[in-house]
N, C-alpha and C. Protein backbone atom coordinates (compact mmCIF):
# COMPACT_ATOMS: atom_id res chain seq x y z
N MET A 1 2.00 -40.64 -12.71
CA MET A 1 1.69 -41.84 -12.00
C MET A 1 2.50 -41.86 -10.71
N LEU A 2 1.82 -42.21 -9.61
CA LEU A 2 2.48 -42.29 -8.31
C LEU A 2 2.99 -43.71 -8.10
N ILE A 3 4.21 -43.80 -7.68
CA ILE A 3 4.79 -45.10 -7.35
C ILE A 3 5.25 -44.99 -5.90
N PHE A 4 4.66 -45.84 -5.05
CA PHE A 4 5.02 -45.81 -3.64
C PHE A 4 6.10 -46.86 -3.37
N GLN A 5 7.11 -46.43 -2.66
CA GLN A 5 8.16 -47.35 -2.27
C GLN A 5 8.74 -46.87 -0.95
N THR A 6 9.43 -47.74 -0.29
CA THR A 6 10.05 -47.38 0.97
C THR A 6 11.24 -46.48 0.68
N GLY A 7 11.31 -45.40 1.41
CA GLY A 7 12.44 -44.50 1.22
C GLY A 7 11.99 -43.16 0.69
N ILE A 8 12.77 -42.57 -0.17
CA ILE A 8 12.53 -41.23 -0.68
C ILE A 8 11.81 -41.34 -2.03
N TYR A 9 10.79 -40.51 -2.21
CA TYR A 9 10.13 -40.51 -3.51
C TYR A 9 9.76 -39.08 -3.90
N ARG A 10 9.54 -38.88 -5.18
CA ARG A 10 9.18 -37.57 -5.72
C ARG A 10 7.92 -37.73 -6.55
N THR A 11 7.15 -36.70 -6.58
CA THR A 11 5.94 -36.74 -7.41
C THR A 11 5.65 -35.35 -7.96
N ASN A 12 5.11 -35.30 -9.12
CA ASN A 12 4.63 -34.06 -9.71
C ASN A 12 3.18 -34.31 -10.10
N THR A 13 2.26 -33.73 -9.39
CA THR A 13 0.85 -33.94 -9.66
C THR A 13 0.15 -32.60 -9.73
N LYS A 14 -0.75 -32.46 -10.70
CA LYS A 14 -1.52 -31.23 -10.82
C LYS A 14 -2.86 -31.43 -10.12
N ILE A 15 -3.16 -30.51 -9.22
CA ILE A 15 -4.44 -30.55 -8.53
C ILE A 15 -5.08 -29.18 -8.72
N ALA A 16 -6.22 -29.16 -9.37
CA ALA A 16 -7.01 -27.94 -9.60
C ALA A 16 -6.15 -26.79 -10.11
N ASN A 17 -5.46 -27.03 -11.19
CA ASN A 17 -4.61 -26.04 -11.85
C ASN A 17 -3.45 -25.56 -10.97
N ARG A 18 -3.11 -26.27 -9.99
CA ARG A 18 -1.93 -25.93 -9.19
C ARG A 18 -0.96 -27.09 -9.24
N GLN A 19 0.26 -26.79 -9.15
CA GLN A 19 1.25 -27.84 -9.17
C GLN A 19 1.70 -28.14 -7.75
N LEU A 20 1.52 -29.42 -7.35
CA LEU A 20 1.94 -29.87 -6.03
C LEU A 20 3.23 -30.66 -6.22
N THR A 21 4.26 -30.21 -5.59
CA THR A 21 5.53 -30.88 -5.73
C THR A 21 6.06 -31.26 -4.35
N ILE A 22 6.39 -32.50 -4.20
CA ILE A 22 7.01 -32.97 -2.96
C ILE A 22 8.39 -33.45 -3.34
N ASP A 23 9.38 -32.71 -2.94
CA ASP A 23 10.75 -33.07 -3.27
C ASP A 23 11.48 -33.51 -2.01
N ASN A 24 12.26 -34.56 -2.19
CA ASN A 24 13.10 -35.07 -1.11
C ASN A 24 12.34 -35.27 0.20
N PHE A 25 11.15 -35.81 0.09
CA PHE A 25 10.35 -36.11 1.28
C PHE A 25 10.71 -37.51 1.75
N THR A 26 11.10 -37.63 3.02
CA THR A 26 11.45 -38.93 3.57
C THR A 26 10.26 -39.49 4.32
N LYS A 27 9.82 -40.67 3.92
CA LYS A 27 8.71 -41.32 4.58
C LYS A 27 9.25 -42.09 5.78
N LYS A 28 8.81 -41.71 7.00
CA LYS A 28 9.26 -42.38 8.21
C LYS A 28 8.05 -43.01 8.88
N GLY A 29 8.25 -44.20 9.45
CA GLY A 29 7.17 -44.88 10.15
C GLY A 29 7.11 -46.34 9.76
N PHE A 30 6.08 -47.01 10.26
CA PHE A 30 5.90 -48.43 10.02
C PHE A 30 4.59 -48.66 9.29
N THR A 31 4.56 -49.70 8.51
CA THR A 31 3.31 -50.06 7.85
C THR A 31 2.46 -50.85 8.84
N LEU A 32 1.20 -51.00 8.54
CA LEU A 32 0.29 -51.73 9.41
C LEU A 32 0.72 -53.19 9.55
N ILE A 33 1.17 -53.78 8.49
CA ILE A 33 1.61 -55.19 8.53
C ILE A 33 2.82 -55.34 9.44
N GLU A 34 3.77 -54.42 9.38
CA GLU A 34 4.93 -54.49 10.26
C GLU A 34 4.52 -54.39 11.72
N LEU A 35 3.60 -53.49 12.02
CA LEU A 35 3.12 -53.34 13.40
C LEU A 35 2.40 -54.61 13.87
N ILE A 36 1.59 -55.21 13.03
CA ILE A 36 0.88 -56.43 13.40
C ILE A 36 1.86 -57.56 13.68
N VAL A 37 2.90 -57.69 12.85
CA VAL A 37 3.90 -58.75 13.05
C VAL A 37 4.63 -58.54 14.37
N VAL A 38 5.03 -57.32 14.67
CA VAL A 38 5.74 -57.03 15.93
C VAL A 38 4.84 -57.30 17.12
N ILE A 39 3.59 -56.87 17.07
CA ILE A 39 2.66 -57.12 18.18
C ILE A 39 2.43 -58.62 18.36
N PHE A 40 2.34 -59.36 17.26
CA PHE A 40 2.16 -60.81 17.34
C PHE A 40 3.36 -61.47 18.02
N ILE A 41 4.58 -61.09 17.65
CA ILE A 41 5.79 -61.67 18.24
C ILE A 41 5.87 -61.35 19.72
N ILE A 42 5.57 -60.13 20.12
CA ILE A 42 5.60 -59.75 21.53
C ILE A 42 4.55 -60.53 22.33
N SER A 43 3.33 -60.64 21.79
CA SER A 43 2.28 -61.37 22.50
C SER A 43 2.61 -62.85 22.61
N LEU A 44 3.24 -63.42 21.60
CA LEU A 44 3.65 -64.82 21.65
C LEU A 44 4.71 -65.03 22.73
N ALA A 45 5.68 -64.13 22.81
CA ALA A 45 6.72 -64.22 23.84
C ALA A 45 6.11 -64.10 25.24
N ILE A 46 5.19 -63.19 25.42
CA ILE A 46 4.52 -63.02 26.72
C ILE A 46 3.72 -64.26 27.07
N ALA A 47 3.03 -64.83 26.10
CA ALA A 47 2.23 -66.03 26.35
C ALA A 47 3.10 -67.21 26.77
N LEU A 48 4.33 -67.28 26.28
CA LEU A 48 5.22 -68.37 26.65
C LEU A 48 5.91 -68.14 27.99
N ILE A 49 6.18 -66.89 28.32
CA ILE A 49 6.94 -66.57 29.53
C ILE A 49 6.06 -66.41 30.76
N MET A 50 4.91 -65.79 30.65
CA MET A 50 4.09 -65.45 31.81
C MET A 50 3.63 -66.63 32.66
N PRO A 51 3.26 -67.76 32.10
CA PRO A 51 2.82 -68.86 32.98
C PRO A 51 3.88 -69.31 33.97
N SER A 52 5.15 -69.12 33.65
CA SER A 52 6.19 -69.50 34.60
C SER A 52 6.23 -68.56 35.81
N PHE A 53 5.68 -67.36 35.69
CA PHE A 53 5.63 -66.44 36.82
C PHE A 53 4.37 -66.62 37.66
N TRP A 54 3.34 -67.20 37.11
CA TRP A 54 2.11 -67.40 37.86
C TRP A 54 2.24 -68.64 38.72
N GLY A 55 1.86 -68.53 39.96
CA GLY A 55 1.87 -69.67 40.86
C GLY A 55 3.26 -70.20 41.18
N THR A 56 4.24 -69.32 41.30
CA THR A 56 5.59 -69.77 41.58
C THR A 56 5.71 -70.36 42.98
N ASP A 57 4.89 -69.90 43.93
CA ASP A 57 4.93 -70.46 45.28
C ASP A 57 4.59 -71.94 45.26
N LYS A 58 3.50 -72.27 44.59
CA LYS A 58 3.06 -73.66 44.56
C LYS A 58 4.03 -74.52 43.74
N THR A 59 4.56 -73.98 42.67
CA THR A 59 5.50 -74.73 41.84
C THR A 59 6.77 -75.06 42.62
N ALA A 60 7.31 -74.08 43.34
CA ALA A 60 8.53 -74.32 44.14
C ALA A 60 8.27 -75.34 45.23
N LEU A 61 7.10 -75.27 45.85
CA LEU A 61 6.74 -76.21 46.91
C LEU A 61 6.61 -77.63 46.35
N LYS A 62 5.97 -77.77 45.18
CA LYS A 62 5.84 -79.09 44.55
C LYS A 62 7.20 -79.64 44.14
N THR A 63 8.07 -78.79 43.65
CA THR A 63 9.41 -79.23 43.25
C THR A 63 10.18 -79.75 44.44
N GLU A 64 10.12 -79.04 45.56
CA GLU A 64 10.82 -79.48 46.77
C GLU A 64 10.21 -80.79 47.29
N ALA A 65 8.89 -80.92 47.23
CA ALA A 65 8.23 -82.16 47.66
C ALA A 65 8.67 -83.34 46.79
N ARG A 66 8.76 -83.11 45.48
CA ARG A 66 9.24 -84.18 44.58
C ARG A 66 10.68 -84.57 44.89
N HIS A 67 11.49 -83.58 45.20
CA HIS A 67 12.89 -83.83 45.51
C HIS A 67 13.02 -84.69 46.77
N ILE A 68 12.27 -84.34 47.82
CA ILE A 68 12.31 -85.11 49.07
C ILE A 68 11.74 -86.51 48.86
N SER A 69 10.62 -86.61 48.14
CA SER A 69 10.00 -87.93 47.95
C SER A 69 10.88 -88.84 47.10
N SER A 70 11.59 -88.30 46.11
CA SER A 70 12.49 -89.14 45.33
C SER A 70 13.67 -89.60 46.17
N ALA A 71 14.15 -88.76 47.08
CA ALA A 71 15.22 -89.17 47.99
C ALA A 71 14.73 -90.26 48.94
N LEU A 72 13.49 -90.14 49.42
CA LEU A 72 12.92 -91.17 50.29
C LEU A 72 12.79 -92.50 49.54
N ARG A 73 12.34 -92.46 48.28
CA ARG A 73 12.24 -93.68 47.48
C ARG A 73 13.62 -94.30 47.24
N TYR A 74 14.61 -93.44 47.01
CA TYR A 74 15.97 -93.92 46.77
C TYR A 74 16.50 -94.65 48.01
N ILE A 75 16.36 -94.02 49.18
CA ILE A 75 16.84 -94.62 50.42
C ILE A 75 16.09 -95.92 50.72
N TYR A 76 14.80 -95.92 50.49
CA TYR A 76 14.00 -97.12 50.69
C TYR A 76 14.52 -98.25 49.79
N GLY A 77 14.75 -97.94 48.53
CA GLY A 77 15.26 -98.93 47.58
C GLY A 77 16.64 -99.42 47.94
N GLU A 78 17.51 -98.52 48.36
CA GLU A 78 18.87 -98.89 48.77
C GLU A 78 18.82 -99.85 49.96
N ALA A 79 18.02 -99.52 50.96
CA ALA A 79 17.95 -100.33 52.18
C ALA A 79 17.39 -101.72 51.87
N VAL A 80 16.35 -101.79 51.06
CA VAL A 80 15.73 -103.08 50.77
C VAL A 80 16.59 -103.92 49.83
N SER A 81 17.12 -103.32 48.76
CA SER A 81 17.87 -104.10 47.78
C SER A 81 19.23 -104.57 48.29
N LYS A 82 19.88 -103.76 49.10
CA LYS A 82 21.21 -104.12 49.59
C LYS A 82 21.18 -104.69 51.00
N LYS A 83 19.97 -104.79 51.55
CA LYS A 83 19.78 -105.36 52.89
C LYS A 83 20.71 -104.70 53.91
N GLN A 84 20.64 -103.38 53.95
CA GLN A 84 21.45 -102.60 54.87
C GLN A 84 20.58 -101.54 55.54
N THR A 85 21.11 -100.89 56.54
CA THR A 85 20.38 -99.83 57.23
C THR A 85 20.81 -98.48 56.67
N CYS A 86 19.82 -97.67 56.31
CA CYS A 86 20.07 -96.32 55.81
C CYS A 86 19.32 -95.34 56.70
N LEU A 87 19.84 -94.13 56.79
CA LEU A 87 19.24 -93.10 57.63
C LEU A 87 18.79 -91.92 56.79
N PHE A 88 17.62 -91.40 57.12
CA PHE A 88 17.11 -90.17 56.50
C PHE A 88 16.94 -89.18 57.63
N ASN A 89 17.68 -88.08 57.59
CA ASN A 89 17.61 -87.12 58.69
C ASN A 89 17.00 -85.79 58.22
N ILE A 90 16.21 -85.22 59.11
CA ILE A 90 15.55 -83.93 58.83
C ILE A 90 15.88 -83.01 59.99
N ASN A 91 16.46 -81.85 59.67
CA ASN A 91 16.73 -80.85 60.69
C ASN A 91 15.72 -79.73 60.51
N LEU A 92 14.77 -79.64 61.43
CA LEU A 92 13.69 -78.67 61.31
C LEU A 92 14.14 -77.25 61.67
N ASP A 93 15.21 -77.12 62.44
CA ASP A 93 15.66 -75.80 62.86
C ASP A 93 16.40 -75.04 61.75
N ASN A 94 17.26 -75.74 61.01
CA ASN A 94 17.99 -75.03 59.95
C ASN A 94 17.48 -75.38 58.55
N LYS A 95 16.29 -75.94 58.46
CA LYS A 95 15.61 -76.22 57.19
C LYS A 95 16.49 -77.02 56.22
N SER A 96 16.98 -78.17 56.70
CA SER A 96 17.79 -79.02 55.85
C SER A 96 17.39 -80.48 56.05
N TRP A 97 17.78 -81.31 55.10
CA TRP A 97 17.51 -82.74 55.18
C TRP A 97 18.58 -83.48 54.39
N GLY A 98 18.69 -84.77 54.64
CA GLY A 98 19.69 -85.54 53.93
C GLY A 98 19.53 -87.02 54.21
N PHE A 99 20.41 -87.81 53.63
CA PHE A 99 20.38 -89.25 53.86
C PHE A 99 21.79 -89.79 53.93
N LYS A 100 21.90 -90.97 54.54
CA LYS A 100 23.20 -91.59 54.71
C LYS A 100 23.03 -93.09 54.56
N SER A 101 23.87 -93.68 53.72
CA SER A 101 23.93 -95.13 53.56
C SER A 101 25.39 -95.54 53.66
N GLU A 102 25.66 -96.82 53.47
CA GLU A 102 27.06 -97.27 53.55
C GLU A 102 27.92 -96.65 52.45
N ASN A 103 27.33 -96.43 51.27
CA ASN A 103 28.09 -95.94 50.13
C ASN A 103 28.00 -94.44 49.91
N GLU A 104 26.99 -93.82 50.47
CA GLU A 104 26.70 -92.43 50.09
C GLU A 104 26.13 -91.64 51.25
N SER A 105 26.44 -90.36 51.27
CA SER A 105 25.88 -89.44 52.26
C SER A 105 25.66 -88.09 51.58
N ARG A 106 24.44 -87.57 51.67
CA ARG A 106 24.13 -86.29 51.02
C ARG A 106 23.27 -85.44 51.94
N ASN A 107 23.46 -84.13 51.87
CA ASN A 107 22.66 -83.18 52.63
C ASN A 107 22.14 -82.10 51.69
N PHE A 108 20.93 -81.63 51.97
CA PHE A 108 20.28 -80.62 51.13
C PHE A 108 19.71 -79.53 52.01
N LYS A 109 19.69 -78.33 51.49
CA LYS A 109 19.08 -77.18 52.16
C LYS A 109 17.77 -76.87 51.44
N MET A 110 16.73 -76.52 52.18
CA MET A 110 15.44 -76.20 51.59
C MET A 110 15.57 -74.92 50.77
N GLN A 111 14.85 -74.86 49.65
CA GLN A 111 14.88 -73.71 48.74
C GLN A 111 14.07 -72.54 49.30
N GLY A 112 14.62 -71.34 49.26
CA GLY A 112 13.89 -70.11 49.61
C GLY A 112 13.25 -70.17 50.98
N ASP A 113 11.97 -69.81 51.04
CA ASP A 113 11.26 -69.79 52.32
C ASP A 113 10.41 -71.04 52.53
N ILE A 114 10.74 -72.12 51.85
CA ILE A 114 10.06 -73.40 52.06
C ILE A 114 10.61 -74.02 53.32
N GLU A 115 9.74 -74.60 54.12
CA GLU A 115 10.19 -75.25 55.34
C GLU A 115 9.38 -76.51 55.60
N ILE A 116 9.96 -77.42 56.36
CA ILE A 116 9.22 -78.59 56.81
C ILE A 116 8.54 -78.17 58.10
N LYS A 117 7.23 -78.06 58.04
CA LYS A 117 6.45 -77.59 59.19
C LYS A 117 6.55 -78.56 60.36
N ASP A 118 6.35 -79.85 60.09
CA ASP A 118 6.46 -80.87 61.13
C ASP A 118 6.60 -82.25 60.50
N VAL A 119 6.99 -83.20 61.35
CA VAL A 119 7.11 -84.60 60.98
C VAL A 119 6.25 -85.37 61.97
N VAL A 120 5.37 -86.23 61.46
CA VAL A 120 4.50 -87.01 62.32
C VAL A 120 4.89 -88.48 62.22
N ILE A 121 5.30 -89.03 63.37
CA ILE A 121 5.64 -90.44 63.50
C ILE A 121 4.78 -90.98 64.64
N PRO A 122 4.02 -92.05 64.42
CA PRO A 122 3.09 -92.52 65.46
C PRO A 122 3.73 -92.73 66.83
N SER A 123 4.92 -93.30 66.90
CA SER A 123 5.53 -93.58 68.21
C SER A 123 6.07 -92.32 68.88
N ARG A 124 6.40 -91.30 68.11
CA ARG A 124 6.98 -90.07 68.67
C ARG A 124 6.03 -88.89 68.65
N GLY A 125 4.94 -88.99 67.89
CA GLY A 125 3.99 -87.89 67.79
C GLY A 125 4.41 -86.87 66.74
N GLU A 126 3.93 -85.64 66.91
CA GLU A 126 4.23 -84.56 65.98
C GLU A 126 5.48 -83.82 66.43
N ILE A 127 6.48 -83.78 65.57
CA ILE A 127 7.75 -83.14 65.90
C ILE A 127 7.88 -81.90 65.01
N SER A 128 8.05 -80.73 65.65
CA SER A 128 8.14 -79.49 64.88
C SER A 128 9.44 -78.72 65.10
N ARG A 129 10.33 -79.25 65.97
CA ARG A 129 11.62 -78.61 66.20
C ARG A 129 12.69 -79.67 66.40
N GLY A 130 13.92 -79.30 66.13
CA GLY A 130 15.02 -80.23 66.35
C GLY A 130 15.34 -81.08 65.13
N GLU A 131 15.91 -82.24 65.39
CA GLU A 131 16.32 -83.14 64.31
C GLU A 131 15.58 -84.47 64.43
N VAL A 132 15.16 -84.99 63.30
CA VAL A 132 14.45 -86.26 63.24
C VAL A 132 15.27 -87.19 62.35
N ILE A 133 15.54 -88.39 62.85
CA ILE A 133 16.26 -89.39 62.07
C ILE A 133 15.33 -90.58 61.85
N ILE A 134 15.10 -90.90 60.58
CA ILE A 134 14.23 -92.02 60.21
C ILE A 134 15.13 -93.14 59.72
N GLU A 135 14.99 -94.31 60.32
CA GLU A 135 15.83 -95.44 59.97
C GLU A 135 15.10 -96.35 58.99
N PHE A 136 15.78 -96.67 57.90
CA PHE A 136 15.27 -97.60 56.89
C PHE A 136 16.08 -98.88 57.01
N GLY A 137 15.43 -99.96 57.40
CA GLY A 137 16.10 -101.26 57.50
C GLY A 137 15.86 -102.07 56.24
N PRO A 138 16.29 -103.32 56.25
CA PRO A 138 16.09 -104.18 55.09
C PRO A 138 14.61 -104.41 54.73
N MET A 139 13.72 -104.14 55.65
CA MET A 139 12.28 -104.27 55.38
C MET A 139 11.62 -102.90 55.18
N GLY A 140 12.41 -101.84 55.08
CA GLY A 140 11.88 -100.49 54.93
C GLY A 140 11.81 -99.80 56.27
N PRO A 141 11.06 -98.71 56.39
CA PRO A 141 10.97 -98.01 57.67
C PRO A 141 10.13 -98.82 58.66
N ASP A 142 10.38 -98.60 59.95
CA ASP A 142 9.67 -99.33 60.99
C ASP A 142 8.20 -98.93 61.09
N GLU A 143 7.91 -97.66 60.87
CA GLU A 143 6.53 -97.16 61.00
C GLU A 143 6.27 -96.06 59.98
N PRO A 144 4.99 -95.73 59.75
CA PRO A 144 4.68 -94.68 58.77
C PRO A 144 5.18 -93.31 59.23
N VAL A 145 5.54 -92.49 58.24
CA VAL A 145 6.05 -91.15 58.51
C VAL A 145 5.30 -90.17 57.62
N THR A 146 4.90 -89.03 58.18
CA THR A 146 4.24 -87.98 57.41
C THR A 146 5.01 -86.67 57.59
N LEU A 147 5.35 -86.04 56.47
CA LEU A 147 6.02 -84.74 56.50
C LEU A 147 5.06 -83.69 55.97
N HIS A 148 5.03 -82.53 56.59
CA HIS A 148 4.22 -81.40 56.12
C HIS A 148 5.15 -80.28 55.69
N LEU A 149 5.12 -79.95 54.40
CA LEU A 149 5.92 -78.86 53.86
C LEU A 149 5.06 -77.62 53.75
N LYS A 150 5.68 -76.46 53.94
CA LYS A 150 4.93 -75.20 53.96
C LYS A 150 5.72 -74.11 53.27
N LYS A 151 5.00 -73.30 52.49
CA LYS A 151 5.56 -72.07 51.93
C LYS A 151 4.44 -71.06 51.89
N ALA A 152 4.61 -69.97 52.61
CA ALA A 152 3.58 -68.92 52.72
C ALA A 152 2.27 -69.56 53.15
N ASN A 153 1.24 -69.51 52.31
CA ASN A 153 -0.05 -70.08 52.69
C ASN A 153 -0.32 -71.42 52.00
N GLN A 154 0.71 -71.99 51.37
CA GLN A 154 0.58 -73.28 50.67
C GLN A 154 1.14 -74.40 51.54
N ASN A 155 0.50 -75.56 51.53
CA ASN A 155 0.96 -76.73 52.29
C ASN A 155 0.91 -77.97 51.41
N ILE A 156 1.86 -78.88 51.63
CA ILE A 156 1.88 -80.18 50.97
C ILE A 156 2.22 -81.24 52.00
N GLN A 157 1.57 -82.38 51.90
CA GLN A 157 1.81 -83.48 52.82
C GLN A 157 2.47 -84.64 52.07
N LEU A 158 3.57 -85.15 52.62
CA LEU A 158 4.24 -86.34 52.08
C LEU A 158 4.06 -87.46 53.09
N SER A 159 3.60 -88.62 52.64
CA SER A 159 3.42 -89.75 53.53
C SER A 159 4.25 -90.92 53.06
N LEU A 160 4.93 -91.54 54.00
CA LEU A 160 5.73 -92.73 53.75
C LEU A 160 5.14 -93.84 54.61
N ILE A 161 4.56 -94.81 53.96
CA ILE A 161 3.90 -95.91 54.69
C ILE A 161 4.82 -97.11 54.65
N SER A 162 5.03 -97.70 55.83
CA SER A 162 5.93 -98.86 55.91
C SER A 162 5.26 -100.11 55.40
């Protein structure tokens, strides 16, 4: 009787009046079930990891847009609630932006190759170089502001309406 097990096994079987003997034979390899489990684990890991690599340009651009828009909302709220003047500054030449209030001042650098393409303010027109300072008074900004963010061939528009 043949008994299969992992590891070393011996058998004595007669085949057509001949004796077949396998002594000290080491079985090496994987079973089909082991291979299926390993392939399943690898495919599951790939399915979880790969979507983070697809569309990274657009994801980074959206993240930066959310960061700027939350800072704009914060400054707007600070100016209105505390009835003070706050400044939001954008430097288009060195790809940075920040805000300043009576209690706080922060500056940020744009991530990677993301840049603010231009800032559109009705009284000043389209500004694509230099520094732009937007003043938030107790009633909010004086006029609407539109920012255009760009990364490679992707664009996002942020609008702040007074």
